[in-house]
Amino acid sequence: MTEPPADVEGGPGWVIDGSTLLPRVTDLVAFREGMATDPLVDAVQALWSGDPVRARGLLQSADRTVRVRALLADCARDLGETKTALRAYAELLAECTGSPWEPVLRQHHGKALLAAGRPGEALQEFEAAHAMRIAAGAPADLIASSVQACDRARQLVEAGHQPPGASPR
């Protein structure tokens, strides 16, 4: 298999991993400084540092905004609860289609689909998110993360990646 896409800079102190497509804190001080005004910084730090159990606990008492619900779905995804994550993203997309949230939710839904072993469907979501971001004039880092996600999903599709327990056709 070819090398996964390069990591993409997401912001101060964090990247999106080219292999997993998951955010990862790389410099805690820079990350904390960049997120200083974010009330969910502790939960995001826990999630992006590989502790979805702690992140979920921190999010439980937060208001159920779209962002909090999406972060909870990401916690479920990272805990291997892909059915829960996919259901949460389906609900969020049903509520937010046509809103500025849609490309973000499609991108994250795609990541949950990858975790569920469904790279072809993930690619469709990543391509939709990419097109929406281009049309909206999104910042370069968001476009780059969409390109990265499309490239990674294409690699997995071309490699014949099958969901666990699936047999080749």
Protein backbone atom coordinates (compact mmCIF):
# COMPACT_ATOMS: atom_id res chain seq x y z
CA MET A 1 0.00 0.00 0.00
CA THR A 2 1.20 3.51 -0.68
CA GLU A 3 2.11 5.80 2.16
CA PRO A 4 -0.83 7.56 3.85
CA PRO A 5 -1.21 11.28 3.17
CA ALA A 6 0.95 13.64 5.20
CA ASP A 7 -0.33 15.06 8.46
CA VAL A 8 -2.19 18.36 8.06
CA GLU A 9 -1.65 21.28 10.43
CA GLY A 10 -4.97 21.88 12.16
CA GLY A 11 -4.01 24.78 14.38
CA PRO A 12 -1.52 25.74 17.05
CA GLY A 13 -0.15 22.57 18.62
CA TRP A 14 -2.21 19.99 16.73
CA VAL A 15 -2.35 18.08 13.45
CA ILE A 16 -4.72 15.78 11.63
CA ASP A 17 -2.98 12.43 11.29
CA GLY A 18 -2.68 11.30 7.67
CA SER A 19 -3.24 7.64 8.47
CA THR A 20 -6.10 7.80 10.97
CA LEU A 21 -7.52 11.22 10.00
CA LEU A 22 -7.87 11.95 13.70
CA PRO A 23 -6.68 15.15 15.35
CA ARG A 24 -3.62 14.74 17.57
CA VAL A 25 -2.11 17.21 20.02
CA THR A 26 1.58 17.68 19.19
CA ASP A 27 2.50 20.61 21.43
CA LEU A 28 0.38 20.91 24.55
CA VAL A 29 1.49 24.46 25.43
CA ALA A 30 0.74 25.80 21.93
CA PHE A 31 -2.54 23.85 21.85
CA ARG A 32 -3.68 25.28 25.21
CA GLU A 33 -2.69 28.80 24.16
CA GLY A 34 -4.54 28.46 20.86
CA MET A 35 -7.66 27.13 22.59
CA ALA A 36 -7.46 29.45 25.63
CA THR A 37 -10.94 30.91 25.11
CA ASP A 38 -12.64 27.60 24.26
CA PRO A 39 -14.83 26.38 27.15
CA LEU A 40 -14.44 22.80 25.88
CA VAL A 41 -10.63 22.85 25.77
CA ASP A 42 -10.22 20.16 28.45
CA ALA A 43 -12.57 17.75 26.66
CA VAL A 44 -11.02 18.43 23.26
CA GLN A 45 -7.53 17.96 24.70
CA ALA A 46 -8.53 14.64 26.25
CA LEU A 47 -10.15 13.40 23.03
CA TRP A 48 -7.30 14.48 20.78
CA SER A 49 -4.74 13.04 23.21
CA GLY A 50 -6.31 9.59 23.04
CA ASP A 51 -8.52 9.60 26.14
CA PRO A 52 -12.11 9.46 24.84
CA VAL A 53 -13.39 8.14 28.19
CA ARG A 54 -12.20 11.28 29.99
CA ALA A 55 -13.44 13.48 27.14
CA ARG A 56 -16.90 11.89 27.30
CA GLY A 57 -17.03 12.45 31.05
CA LEU A 58 -16.12 16.11 30.65
CA LEU A 59 -18.77 16.58 27.93
CA GLN A 60 -21.62 14.93 29.85
CA SER A 61 -22.46 18.08 31.79
CA ALA A 62 -22.18 20.46 28.82
CA ASP A 63 -25.20 21.89 27.00
CA ARG A 64 -26.15 19.63 24.08
CA THR A 65 -25.07 21.98 21.29
CA VAL A 66 -24.27 20.64 17.84
CA ARG A 67 -20.57 20.82 18.68
CA VAL A 68 -20.92 18.93 21.96
CA ARG A 69 -23.06 16.25 20.31
CA ALA A 70 -20.47 15.90 17.53
CA LEU A 71 -17.66 15.60 20.07
CA LEU A 72 -19.64 12.94 21.94
CA ALA A 73 -20.07 11.07 18.64
CA ASP A 74 -16.30 11.29 18.13
CA CYS A 75 -15.81 9.85 21.62
CA ALA A 76 -18.09 6.94 20.70
CA ARG A 77 -16.15 6.42 17.44
CA ASP A 78 -12.81 6.36 19.27
CA LEU A 79 -14.19 3.90 21.82
CA GLY A 80 -15.20 1.51 19.03
CA GLU A 81 -18.90 2.31 19.40
CA THR A 82 -19.28 2.96 15.68
CA LYS A 83 -23.02 2.27 15.52
CA THR A 84 -23.61 4.91 18.19
CA ALA A 85 -21.32 7.38 16.40
CA LEU A 86 -22.98 6.78 13.02
CA ARG A 87 -26.46 7.17 14.51
CA ALA A 88 -25.45 10.43 16.20
CA TYR A 89 -24.01 11.83 12.97
CA ALA A 90 -27.09 10.79 10.99
CA GLU A 91 -29.25 12.71 13.48
CA LEU A 92 -26.97 15.76 13.37
CA LEU A 93 -26.91 15.76 9.57
CA ALA A 94 -30.70 15.51 9.43
CA GLU A 95 -30.91 18.61 11.63
CA CYS A 96 -28.10 20.61 10.03
CA THR A 97 -28.34 19.92 6.29
CA GLY A 98 -27.99 23.23 4.46
CA SER A 99 -26.38 24.95 7.46
CA PRO A 100 -22.73 25.95 7.91
CA TRP A 101 -22.38 22.85 10.10
CA GLU A 102 -23.05 20.44 7.24
CA PRO A 103 -19.51 20.14 5.79
CA VAL A 104 -18.01 19.66 9.27
CA LEU A 105 -20.56 17.00 10.12
CA ARG A 106 -20.07 15.23 6.78
CA GLN A 107 -16.31 15.17 7.36
CA HIS A 108 -16.74 13.67 10.83
CA HIS A 109 -19.44 11.26 9.64
CA GLY A 110 -16.89 10.08 7.07
CA LYS A 111 -14.37 9.43 9.84
CA ALA A 112 -16.96 7.37 11.71
CA LEU A 113 -17.67 5.44 8.49
CA LEU A 114 -13.94 4.72 8.16
CA ALA A 115 -13.86 3.47 11.74
CA ALA A 116 -16.79 1.19 10.85
CA GLY A 117 -14.80 -0.23 7.92
CA ARG A 118 -16.84 1.50 5.21
CA PRO A 119 -14.27 3.51 3.21
CA GLY A 120 -16.39 3.82 0.04
CA GLU A 121 -19.18 5.55 1.94
CA ALA A 122 -16.61 7.60 3.84
CA LEU A 123 -15.13 8.79 0.54
CA GLN A 124 -18.57 10.01 -0.56
CA GLU A 125 -18.91 12.04 2.64
CA PHE A 126 -15.39 13.45 2.35
CA GLU A 127 -15.99 14.45 -1.28
CA ALA A 128 -19.25 16.17 -0.33
CA ALA A 129 -17.55 18.03 2.55
CA HIS A 130 -14.73 19.07 0.22
CA ALA A 131 -17.11 20.43 -2.42
CA MET A 132 -19.10 22.33 0.22
CA ARG A 133 -15.95 23.81 1.72
CA ILE A 134 -14.70 24.94 -1.70
CA ALA A 135 -18.10 26.48 -2.51
CA ALA A 136 -18.16 28.30 0.83
CA GLY A 137 -14.62 29.66 0.46
CA ALA A 138 -13.46 27.80 3.56
CA PRO A 139 -9.99 28.46 4.99
CA ALA A 140 -7.03 26.59 3.50
CA ASP A 141 -6.61 24.28 6.51
CA LEU A 142 -10.18 22.98 6.15
CA ILE A 143 -9.72 22.42 2.42
CA ALA A 144 -6.43 20.60 3.13
CA SER A 145 -8.09 18.32 5.69
CA SER A 146 -10.81 17.45 3.16
CA VAL A 147 -8.22 16.67 0.47
CA GLN A 148 -6.30 14.55 2.98
CA ALA A 149 -9.46 12.64 3.95
CA CYS A 150 -10.43 12.02 0.31
CA ASP A 151 -6.91 10.79 -0.49
CA ARG A 152 -6.84 8.43 2.51
CA ALA A 153 -10.30 7.01 1.80
CA ARG A 154 -9.35 6.46 -1.88
CA GLN A 155 -6.24 4.57 -0.75
CA LEU A 156 -8.34 2.30 1.45
CA VAL A 157 -10.93 1.73 -1.28
CA GLU A 158 -8.22 0.92 -3.84
CA ALA A 159 -6.54 -1.45 -1.40
CA GLY A 160 -9.81 -3.37 -1.16
CA HIS A 161 -10.22 -2.60 2.52
CA GLN A 162 -13.09 -4.67 3.84
CA PRO A 163 -15.06 -4.18 7.04
CA PRO A 164 -14.14 -6.64 9.80
CA GLY A 165 -15.75 -10.00 9.05
CA ALA A 166 -16.68 -9.10 5.46
CA SER A 167 -15.74 -11.34 2.59
CA PRO A 168 -14.46 -10.01 -0.75
CA ARG A 169 -17.03 -9.96 -3.55
